[in-house]
Protein backbone atom coordinates (compact mmCIF):
# COMPACT_ATOMS: atom_id res chain seq x y z
CA MET A 1 0.00 0.00 0.00
CA SER A 2 1.46 3.36 -1.02
CA GLU A 3 1.73 6.44 1.19
CA ASN A 4 -1.03 8.24 -0.71
CA GLU A 5 -3.45 5.38 -0.12
CA GLN A 6 -2.56 5.32 3.57
CA GLU A 7 -3.16 9.08 3.83
CA ARG A 8 -6.55 8.72 2.09
CA GLN A 9 -7.57 5.99 4.52
CA VAL A 10 -6.53 8.10 7.53
CA ALA A 11 -8.42 11.11 6.13
CA GLN A 12 -11.52 8.97 5.48
CA SER A 13 -11.39 7.54 9.00
CA VAL A 14 -11.32 11.08 10.41
CA VAL A 15 -14.36 12.04 8.30
CA ASP A 16 -16.20 8.88 9.35
CA ALA A 17 -15.28 9.29 13.02
CA PRO A 18 -18.12 9.69 15.50
CA GLY A 19 -18.79 13.34 16.13
CA ALA A 20 -17.58 14.51 12.73
CA PRO A 21 -19.99 16.97 11.08
CA THR A 22 -21.95 15.72 8.10
CA ILE A 23 -21.74 18.47 5.51
CA GLY A 24 -22.76 18.04 1.89
CA ALA A 25 -20.78 19.06 -1.19
CA GLY A 26 -22.47 22.49 -1.28
CA GLY A 27 -21.54 23.20 2.31
CA GLU A 28 -25.05 22.56 3.69
CA ASP A 29 -25.87 20.21 6.54
CA THR A 30 -27.11 16.91 5.11
CA GLY A 31 -29.33 16.28 8.08
CA ALA A 32 -27.78 12.90 8.72
CA PRO A 33 -27.58 11.96 12.37
CA SER A 34 -24.29 12.98 13.88
CA GLU A 35 -22.68 13.01 17.26
CA TYR A 36 -20.97 16.39 16.59
CA LYS A 37 -20.55 18.22 19.88
CA VAL A 38 -20.58 22.01 19.86
CA GLY A 39 -18.03 23.55 22.19
CA LYS A 40 -14.79 25.50 22.39
CA TYR A 41 -13.26 25.74 18.89
CA ARG A 42 -16.17 23.65 17.55
CA PRO A 43 -18.84 26.05 16.24
CA PRO A 44 -22.23 24.80 15.10
CA VAL A 45 -22.12 23.40 11.58
CA GLU A 46 -24.44 26.10 10.20
CA LYS A 47 -22.14 28.87 11.52
CA GLN A 48 -18.88 27.47 10.09
CA TYR A 49 -17.24 29.32 7.21
CA ARG A 50 -17.89 27.79 3.82
CA PRO A 51 -15.02 27.32 1.37
CA GLY A 52 -14.22 30.67 -0.28
CA GLN A 53 -16.14 32.68 2.33
CA SER A 54 -14.26 35.53 4.01
CA GLY A 55 -14.11 35.82 7.76
CA ASN A 56 -14.30 39.61 7.46
CA PRO A 57 -16.63 40.38 4.55
CA LYS A 58 -16.90 44.09 5.37
CA GLY A 59 -13.14 44.58 5.81
CA ARG A 60 -11.00 47.25 4.16
CA PRO A 61 -11.98 47.58 0.50
CA ARG A 62 -9.31 46.98 -2.12
CA GLY A 63 -7.54 50.06 -3.39
CA ARG A 64 -8.31 52.14 -0.33
CA ARG A 65 -5.49 54.60 0.36
CA ASN A 66 -3.70 54.72 3.68
CA THR A 67 -2.33 57.85 5.36
CA LYS A 68 1.12 57.53 3.81
CA THR A 69 -0.19 57.37 0.25
CA ILE A 70 -2.55 60.30 0.89
CA ILE A 71 0.32 62.47 2.18
CA GLU A 72 2.54 61.49 -0.76
CA ARG A 73 -0.24 62.29 -3.20
CA VAL A 74 -0.91 65.72 -1.66
CA LEU A 75 2.76 66.71 -1.51
CA GLU A 76 3.35 65.67 -5.14
CA GLU A 77 0.32 67.58 -6.45
CA PRO A 78 1.37 70.31 -8.92
CA VAL A 79 0.95 73.93 -7.86
CA SER A 80 1.51 77.13 -9.87
CA VAL A 81 4.10 79.36 -8.20
CA ARG A 82 5.41 82.75 -9.25
CA LEU A 83 9.20 82.95 -8.98
CA GLY A 84 10.23 86.50 -9.84
CA GLU A 85 8.74 87.29 -13.24
CA LYS A 86 8.03 83.68 -14.21
CA THR A 87 5.23 81.34 -13.21
CA ARG A 88 6.25 77.71 -12.82
CA THR A 89 4.39 74.54 -11.93
CA LEU A 90 6.10 72.70 -9.08
CA PRO A 91 5.22 69.84 -6.74
CA MET A 92 3.65 71.17 -3.53
CA VAL A 93 6.58 70.06 -1.37
CA GLU A 94 8.99 72.09 -3.52
CA ALA A 95 6.67 75.11 -3.45
CA ILE A 96 6.53 74.91 0.36
CA LEU A 97 10.33 74.83 0.53
CA TYR A 98 10.56 77.88 -1.76
CA ALA A 99 8.03 79.76 0.38
CA GLN A 100 9.85 78.92 3.62
CA ALA A 101 13.21 79.95 2.10
CA ALA A 102 11.71 83.26 0.88
CA ARG A 103 10.34 83.99 4.38
CA ALA A 104 13.73 83.11 5.87
CA VAL A 105 15.43 85.62 3.57
CA GLN A 106 12.97 88.29 4.76
CA GLY A 107 14.00 87.65 8.37
CA ASP A 108 11.49 85.08 9.63
CA VAL A 109 13.48 83.14 12.23
CA ARG A 110 11.09 80.18 12.34
CA SER A 111 11.25 79.73 8.57
CA ALA A 112 15.03 80.00 8.63
CA GLY A 113 15.14 77.36 11.37
CA PHE A 114 12.88 75.08 9.31
CA VAL A 115 15.04 75.42 6.20
CA PHE A 116 18.32 74.91 8.08
CA ASP A 117 16.93 71.92 10.01
CA LEU A 118 15.79 70.36 6.75
CA ALA A 119 19.15 71.02 5.11
CA GLY A 120 20.94 69.66 8.18
CA ASP A 121 18.87 66.48 8.13
CA PHE A 122 19.65 66.01 4.45
CA MET A 123 23.36 66.56 4.98
CA ASP A 124 23.36 64.19 7.97
CA SER A 125 21.81 61.46 5.82
CA VAL A 126 24.39 62.06 3.07
CA THR A 127 27.21 61.98 5.64
CA ALA A 128 25.81 58.79 7.16
CA LEU A 129 25.84 57.16 3.73
CA GLY A 130 29.49 58.12 3.35
CA GLN A 131 30.33 56.63 6.73
CA GLN A 132 28.61 53.35 5.86
CA GLY A 133 31.30 52.62 3.31
CA VAL A 134 29.60 54.04 0.22
CA ARG A 135 32.41 55.09 -2.07
CA PRO A 136 32.07 57.70 -4.79
CA PRO A 137 32.25 56.38 -8.38
CA SER A 138 35.65 57.97 -8.96
CA ALA A 139 37.26 56.08 -6.05
CA GLU A 140 37.78 52.89 -8.02
CA LEU A 141 38.46 54.56 -11.34
CA PHE A 142 41.31 56.73 -10.10
CA GLU A 143 42.93 54.46 -7.52
CA ASN A 144 46.56 53.26 -7.64
CA ILE A 145 47.75 56.55 -9.13
CA ASP A 146 51.16 57.86 -8.06
CA GLU A 147 50.74 61.63 -7.88
CA ALA A 148 54.53 62.09 -8.02
CA LEU A 149 54.37 61.03 -11.68
CA LEU A 150 51.79 63.72 -12.51
CA SER A 151 52.34 67.37 -13.32
CA ASP A 152 50.36 70.16 -11.66
CA ASP A 153 48.17 70.48 -14.76
CA ASP A 154 47.51 66.75 -14.66
CA LYS A 155 46.48 66.94 -10.99
CA ILE A 156 44.11 69.85 -11.69
CA ASP A 157 42.51 68.01 -14.60
CA LEU A 158 42.28 64.80 -12.58
CA SER A 159 40.45 66.52 -9.70
CA ARG A 160 38.06 68.12 -12.21
CA PHE A 161 37.39 64.71 -13.79
CA GLN A 162 36.81 63.14 -10.37
CA GLU A 163 34.17 65.77 -9.58
CA ILE A 164 32.43 65.25 -12.94
CA VAL A 165 32.45 61.46 -12.49
CA ASP A 166 31.12 61.68 -8.90
CA VAL A 167 28.29 64.05 -9.85
CA GLY A 168 27.47 62.25 -13.09
CA GLY A 169 27.64 58.75 -11.61
CA GLY A 170 30.45 57.28 -13.71
CA MET A 171 32.91 57.72 -16.55
CA THR A 172 30.03 58.11 -18.99
CA ALA A 173 29.56 61.63 -17.58
CA LEU A 174 32.79 62.71 -19.30
CA ASN A 175 32.73 63.90 -22.88
CA VAL A 176 34.98 62.20 -25.45
CA ASN A 177 37.90 64.63 -25.09
CA ASP A 178 37.77 64.58 -21.28
CA PHE A 179 37.62 60.79 -21.30
CA ALA A 180 40.72 60.59 -23.50
CA ARG A 181 42.55 63.07 -21.25
CA ALA A 182 41.48 61.17 -18.08
CA ARG A 183 42.73 57.89 -19.56
CA GLU A 184 46.03 59.55 -20.42
CA ILE A 185 46.44 60.93 -16.86
CA VAL A 186 45.53 57.60 -15.23
CA ASN A 187 47.99 55.69 -17.39
CA LYS A 188 50.70 58.27 -16.66
CA GLY A 189 49.94 58.09 -12.92
CA ARG A 190 50.18 54.30 -13.00
CA GLY A 191 53.61 54.45 -14.63
CA LYS A 192 52.58 53.43 -18.14
CA ASN A 193 54.56 55.39 -20.71
CA ILE A 194 51.89 56.34 -23.19
CA THR A 195 52.45 59.44 -25.22
CA PRO A 196 49.40 61.64 -25.76
CA SER A 197 47.80 61.27 -29.14
CA THR A 198 47.67 64.48 -31.17
């Protein structure tokens, strides 16, 4: 006898056991005599959930927004703002920041505190990322360079390229001429004698 047949026999013996409810295929009580005892964790047969029936039919409807999504939606809503002579459409959160900064410039201490606190929080999060071992994109690209092999002009160009790469996210931020110059400086700094192509 296989395991599946043994499991079927055990399941059938549980169904046929005295006290087991007699429920038809549609979920209704068949009316057959039964010794089913109602008690703790044993609700009456007519009150038991039917297959596919929810235990909380009037629960939260699908697609209902929670507080977080409502706040995000409101702060991203476009608003027309006049900046000097021009009228621009900005997200509400950006318009609020502009308004607070404008009040701070006019001498409102609370607005200035708000703007500086926000800027401080942003800078703290950026600093925390740096302390967690996040390296700028230029760190790997320009490592193992001996600065003694570079001229002052090379060092100036290299620092400019590092800034462009860090802001742009990689070497693809450099234009073709800058890329060629950066490659030349890196090779020179690594001791590879490559003459510049003219």
